[in-house]
Amino acid sequence: MSAPLLQLREVGKNFGGVQAVRGLSFSVQRGQVLGLIGPNGSGKSTSVNLISGTLPVSSGAIEFDGQSVNDLPISARVPLGLARTFQTTTLFPEFTVRNQVLAACHTRFRCAPWAAVFRLPAARSEEVRQRARADEILAFVGLGDVAQELASSLSSAQQRLLMIATALASEPALVLLDEPAAGMVAKERKDLAGLIQRIQARGVAVLVIEHHMGLIMEVCESIVVLNFGQKIAEGTPAEIRANPAVIDAYLGGAH
């Protein structure tokens, strides 16, 4: 097996006297869809914030594509190929849907800023290329028909798809989806599952942090389970479904 794309080694995070994450180790392979689950307060969101660079680690190491990213801010991790979405919709409400995605496309802009200021031919060609890429991504996630609409006018489910499109615009090798199905009805969750599978088909790895177990079981090849900031299980969906420690964490020992 080739070296993992993402590797966590004994990662810990303290908030004062509270240890939110303890000794967390797992990896994500290239092109893999891996789920990260656990009851409320288990440390899932903290773990995602550590991976993305929103929070610094207190101990341990995080490696992405073979290099340590412990000391890199989120702005330096995106160009390496690490993108994320958030639990709450994070958009520019006054932007059109296309301009929202174009803002992320510019993380891969190849021309120097001064070339864009002076509208040089290379910069104009790059802008045409990025607009075409934004339209392709919007069509890919199912938002091609609303490209000219304001982001604030979209439904909750469409706004979550727009966040995914924005993450994909940075050309990631790994995208972290934090509660992507929140607020979605069954049909929307089914469409989301299909989208995650299509993202994987493009060779992009996906780390899904989600409460909806049906979605996790459908799209993930492997699942990591947290409880009280520690990993209590890791395995295939079938193994996790039958794991006594996981059942106990979600339902209590009496069940």
Protein backbone atom coordinates (compact mmCIF):
# COMPACT_ATOMS: atom_id res chain seq x y z
CA MET A 1 0.00 0.00 0.00
CA SER A 2 1.30 3.47 -0.88
CA ALA A 3 1.96 6.11 1.76
CA PRO A 4 -1.26 7.65 3.11
CA LEU A 5 -2.34 11.08 1.94
CA LEU A 6 -3.24 12.17 5.49
CA GLN A 7 -1.65 10.75 8.62
CA LEU A 8 -2.48 11.58 12.25
CA ARG A 9 -0.01 10.29 14.85
CA GLU A 10 -0.98 10.47 18.54
CA VAL A 11 -2.65 13.85 18.05
CA GLY A 12 -3.91 15.65 21.13
CA LYS A 13 -5.67 18.95 21.82
CA ASN A 14 -6.07 20.65 25.19
CA PHE A 15 -8.30 23.58 26.06
CA GLY A 16 -6.95 24.64 29.44
CA GLY A 17 -7.53 21.64 31.67
CA VAL A 18 -9.87 19.94 29.22
CA GLN A 19 -8.39 17.34 26.86
CA ALA A 20 -10.71 17.41 23.85
CA VAL A 21 -8.66 14.95 21.76
CA ARG A 22 -6.25 12.33 23.12
CA GLY A 23 -3.76 10.16 21.26
CA LEU A 24 -5.70 10.17 18.00
CA SER A 25 -4.11 8.17 15.18
CA PHE A 26 -5.58 7.27 11.80
CA SER A 27 -4.85 7.76 8.11
CA VAL A 28 -6.67 8.55 4.88
CA GLN A 29 -5.46 6.93 1.68
CA ARG A 30 -5.46 8.67 -1.69
CA GLY A 31 -8.91 8.49 -3.25
CA GLN A 32 -10.47 6.95 -0.14
CA VAL A 33 -13.78 7.92 1.46
CA LEU A 34 -13.40 7.64 5.23
CA GLY A 35 -16.02 8.44 7.84
CA LEU A 36 -15.41 10.06 11.22
CA ILE A 37 -18.27 9.53 13.63
CA GLY A 38 -19.05 9.65 17.33
CA PRO A 39 -21.65 10.92 19.81
CA ASN A 40 -22.01 14.63 20.53
CA GLY A 41 -18.93 15.90 22.34
CA SER A 42 -16.74 13.05 21.14
CA GLY A 43 -14.13 15.34 19.56
CA LYS A 44 -15.10 15.14 15.89
CA SER A 45 -15.26 18.87 15.21
CA THR A 46 -12.05 19.51 17.14
CA SER A 47 -10.31 16.81 15.10
CA VAL A 48 -11.46 18.40 11.83
CA ASN A 49 -10.28 21.81 13.01
CA LEU A 50 -6.88 20.34 13.83
CA ILE A 51 -6.57 18.68 10.42
CA SER A 52 -7.64 21.78 8.51
CA GLY A 53 -5.43 24.14 10.50
CA THR A 54 -8.23 26.08 12.17
CA LEU A 55 -6.74 25.00 15.51
CA PRO A 56 -3.12 24.15 16.40
CA VAL A 57 -2.32 20.73 17.85
CA SER A 58 -1.19 20.45 21.47
CA SER A 59 0.72 17.21 20.86
CA GLY A 60 1.38 14.63 18.19
CA ALA A 61 1.84 15.13 14.45
CA ILE A 62 -0.32 15.66 11.37
CA GLU A 63 1.25 14.89 8.00
CA PHE A 64 -0.28 15.67 4.61
CA ASP A 65 1.18 14.28 1.41
CA GLY A 66 4.35 13.28 3.22
CA GLN A 67 5.10 16.54 5.01
CA SER A 68 4.32 17.87 8.47
CA VAL A 69 1.59 20.52 8.55
CA ASN A 70 1.60 21.04 12.32
CA ASP A 71 2.83 24.62 12.03
CA LEU A 72 0.96 25.59 8.85
CA PRO A 73 -2.14 27.83 8.99
CA ILE A 74 -5.24 26.90 7.01
CA SER A 75 -4.25 29.34 4.24
CA ALA A 76 -1.05 27.37 3.66
CA ARG A 77 -2.77 23.95 3.73
CA VAL A 78 -5.27 24.75 0.96
CA PRO A 79 -2.58 25.14 -1.75
CA LEU A 80 -1.16 21.76 -0.67
CA GLY A 81 -4.49 20.16 -1.60
CA LEU A 82 -6.47 20.17 1.66
CA ALA A 83 -9.93 21.79 1.59
CA ARG A 84 -12.94 21.70 3.89
CA THR A 85 -16.56 22.67 4.39
CA PHE A 86 -18.14 23.75 7.67
CA GLN A 87 -21.10 22.65 9.78
CA THR A 88 -22.78 26.01 9.23
CA THR A 89 -23.02 27.45 5.74
CA THR A 90 -20.10 29.80 5.14
CA LEU A 91 -20.79 31.83 2.00
CA PHE A 92 -20.62 35.36 0.63
CA PRO A 93 -24.38 36.08 0.54
CA GLU A 94 -24.02 39.05 -1.82
CA PHE A 95 -22.05 36.98 -4.37
CA THR A 96 -23.64 35.10 -7.22
CA VAL A 97 -23.22 31.35 -7.09
CA ARG A 98 -20.63 31.50 -9.88
CA ASN A 99 -18.63 34.28 -8.20
CA GLN A 100 -18.59 32.32 -4.94
CA VAL A 101 -16.85 29.44 -6.73
CA LEU A 102 -14.62 31.80 -8.72
CA ALA A 103 -13.31 33.24 -5.45
CA ALA A 104 -11.97 29.79 -4.59
CA CYS A 105 -10.71 29.14 -8.14
CA HIS A 106 -8.26 31.99 -7.66
CA THR A 107 -6.31 29.92 -5.14
CA ARG A 108 -5.02 28.18 -8.29
CA PHE A 109 -4.54 31.35 -10.33
CA ARG A 110 -1.28 31.01 -12.26
CA CYS A 111 -0.69 34.64 -13.26
CA ALA A 112 0.90 37.24 -11.02
CA PRO A 113 -1.51 39.73 -9.40
CA TRP A 114 -0.02 42.65 -11.34
CA ALA A 115 -0.85 40.85 -14.62
CA ALA A 116 -4.54 40.80 -13.60
CA VAL A 117 -4.43 44.48 -12.57
CA PHE A 118 -3.13 45.50 -15.99
CA ARG A 119 -5.43 43.06 -17.80
CA LEU A 120 -2.55 41.43 -19.68
CA PRO A 121 -3.44 38.71 -22.24
CA ALA A 122 -2.19 35.90 -19.99
CA ALA A 123 -4.40 37.12 -17.15
CA ARG A 124 -7.45 37.41 -19.42
CA SER A 125 -6.88 33.87 -20.69
CA GLU A 126 -6.54 32.64 -17.12
CA GLU A 127 -9.83 34.31 -16.19
CA VAL A 128 -11.59 32.58 -19.08
CA ARG A 129 -10.15 29.26 -17.96
CA GLN A 130 -11.23 29.79 -14.36
CA ARG A 131 -14.76 30.77 -15.38
CA ALA A 132 -15.02 27.60 -17.45
CA ARG A 133 -13.75 25.60 -14.48
CA ALA A 134 -16.27 27.24 -12.13
CA ASP A 135 -19.13 26.40 -14.49
CA GLU A 136 -17.92 22.81 -14.80
CA ILE A 137 -17.80 22.41 -11.01
CA LEU A 138 -21.26 23.91 -10.57
CA ALA A 139 -22.66 21.51 -13.15
CA PHE A 140 -20.85 18.65 -11.39
CA VAL A 141 -22.51 19.35 -8.03
CA GLY A 142 -25.92 20.06 -9.58
CA LEU A 143 -25.99 23.86 -9.37
CA GLY A 144 -25.39 24.74 -13.02
CA ASP A 145 -28.92 26.11 -13.45
CA VAL A 146 -28.55 28.63 -10.59
CA ALA A 147 -25.06 29.96 -11.40
CA GLN A 148 -26.36 33.54 -11.77
CA GLU A 149 -28.50 33.47 -8.61
CA LEU A 150 -27.36 35.08 -5.36
CA ALA A 151 -25.87 32.60 -2.90
CA SER A 152 -28.26 33.89 -0.23
CA SER A 153 -31.27 32.91 -2.36
CA LEU A 154 -30.41 29.20 -2.41
CA SER A 155 -32.10 26.59 -0.26
CA SER A 156 -30.21 25.15 2.72
CA ALA A 157 -29.34 21.98 0.79
CA GLN A 158 -28.17 23.99 -2.24
CA GLN A 159 -25.97 26.16 -0.01
CA ARG A 160 -24.28 23.02 1.30
CA LEU A 161 -23.67 21.88 -2.27
CA LEU A 162 -22.22 25.32 -3.00
CA MET A 163 -19.79 24.93 -0.09
CA ILE A 164 -18.67 21.62 -1.58
CA ALA A 165 -18.29 23.26 -5.01
CA THR A 166 -16.20 26.02 -3.41
CA ALA A 167 -13.95 23.43 -1.76
CA LEU A 168 -13.54 21.54 -5.05
CA ALA A 169 -12.56 24.75 -6.84
CA SER A 170 -9.24 24.75 -4.95
CA GLU A 171 -8.37 21.45 -6.67
CA PRO A 172 -7.96 19.46 -3.44
CA ALA A 173 -6.48 16.01 -3.03
CA LEU A 174 -8.56 15.67 0.15
CA VAL A 175 -11.79 17.43 1.07
CA LEU A 176 -13.17 17.44 4.63
CA LEU A 177 -16.97 17.47 4.70
CA ASP A 178 -18.15 18.59 8.14
CA GLU A 179 -21.81 17.59 8.66
CA PRO A 180 -22.65 17.90 4.92
CA ALA A 181 -26.12 16.37 5.31
CA ALA A 182 -27.32 18.68 8.11
CA GLY A 183 -30.86 19.82 7.41
CA MET A 184 -31.28 17.64 4.32
CA VAL A 185 -34.30 15.46 3.63
CA ALA A 186 -33.99 11.86 2.41
CA LYS A 187 -33.91 12.71 -1.32
CA GLU A 188 -31.26 15.39 -0.77
CA ARG A 189 -29.13 13.00 1.31
CA LYS A 190 -29.37 10.41 -1.46
CA ASP A 191 -28.18 12.98 -4.00
CA LEU A 192 -25.36 13.96 -1.63
CA ALA A 193 -24.24 10.33 -1.38
CA GLY A 194 -24.07 10.18 -5.17
CA LEU A 195 -22.03 13.39 -5.25
CA ILE A 196 -19.52 12.05 -2.72
CA GLN A 197 -19.10 8.93 -4.83
CA ARG A 198 -18.54 11.05 -7.94
CA ILE A 199 -15.94 13.11 -6.09
CA GLN A 200 -14.13 9.89 -5.21
CA ALA A 201 -14.34 8.80 -8.86
CA ARG A 202 -12.32 11.92 -9.69
CA GLY A 203 -9.52 10.63 -7.50
CA VAL A 204 -10.22 13.01 -4.62
CA ALA A 205 -10.17 11.58 -1.09
CA VAL A 206 -13.07 12.53 1.20
CA LEU A 207 -13.23 12.60 5.00
CA VAL A 208 -16.90 12.71 6.01
CA ILE A 209 -17.84 13.87 9.51
CA GLU A 210 -21.50 13.13 9.90
CA HIS A 211 -24.26 12.17 12.36
CA HIS A 212 -26.48 10.54 9.74
CA MET A 213 -25.43 6.90 9.93
CA GLY A 214 -27.24 5.89 6.74
CA LEU A 215 -25.09 8.26 4.68
CA ILE A 216 -21.88 7.15 6.42
CA MET A 217 -22.64 3.46 5.90
CA GLU A 218 -23.49 4.03 2.24
CA VAL A 219 -20.47 6.03 1.07
CA CYS A 220 -17.55 5.18 3.39
CA GLU A 221 -15.08 2.37 2.83
CA SER A 222 -13.74 2.70 6.37
CA ILE A 223 -14.98 4.43 9.51
CA VAL A 224 -13.19 5.86 12.56
CA VAL A 225 -15.26 6.19 15.74
CA LEU A 226 -14.47 8.68 18.51
CA ASN A 227 -15.79 8.88 22.06
CA PHE A 228 -14.60 11.29 24.76
CA GLY A 229 -11.82 12.47 22.46
CA GLN A 230 -10.33 9.02 21.82
CA LYS A 231 -10.59 6.52 18.98
CA ILE A 232 -12.61 3.55 20.16
CA ALA A 233 -12.99 1.68 16.86
CA GLU A 234 -11.90 1.63 13.23
CA GLY A 235 -13.03 -0.65 10.43
CA THR A 236 -15.44 -1.31 7.60
CA PRO A 237 -19.10 -0.26 7.90
CA ALA A 238 -20.07 -3.87 8.67
CA GLU A 239 -17.44 -4.13 11.41
CA ILE A 240 -18.44 -0.80 12.95
CA ARG A 241 -22.13 -1.67 12.87
CA ALA A 242 -21.45 -4.80 14.94
CA ASN A 243 -18.79 -3.36 17.26
CA PRO A 244 -19.91 -3.57 20.94
CA ALA A 245 -17.89 -0.48 21.93
CA VAL A 246 -19.61 1.59 19.24
CA ILE A 247 -23.05 0.31 20.22
CA ASP A 248 -22.30 1.12 23.84
CA ALA A 249 -21.10 4.64 22.99
CA TYR A 250 -24.25 5.45 21.03
CA LEU A 251 -26.90 3.55 22.97
CA GLY A 252 -25.43 2.82 26.40
CA GLY A 253 -24.42 -0.49 27.93
CA ALA A 254 -28.02 -1.47 28.73
CA HIS A 255 -28.67 -1.90 24.99
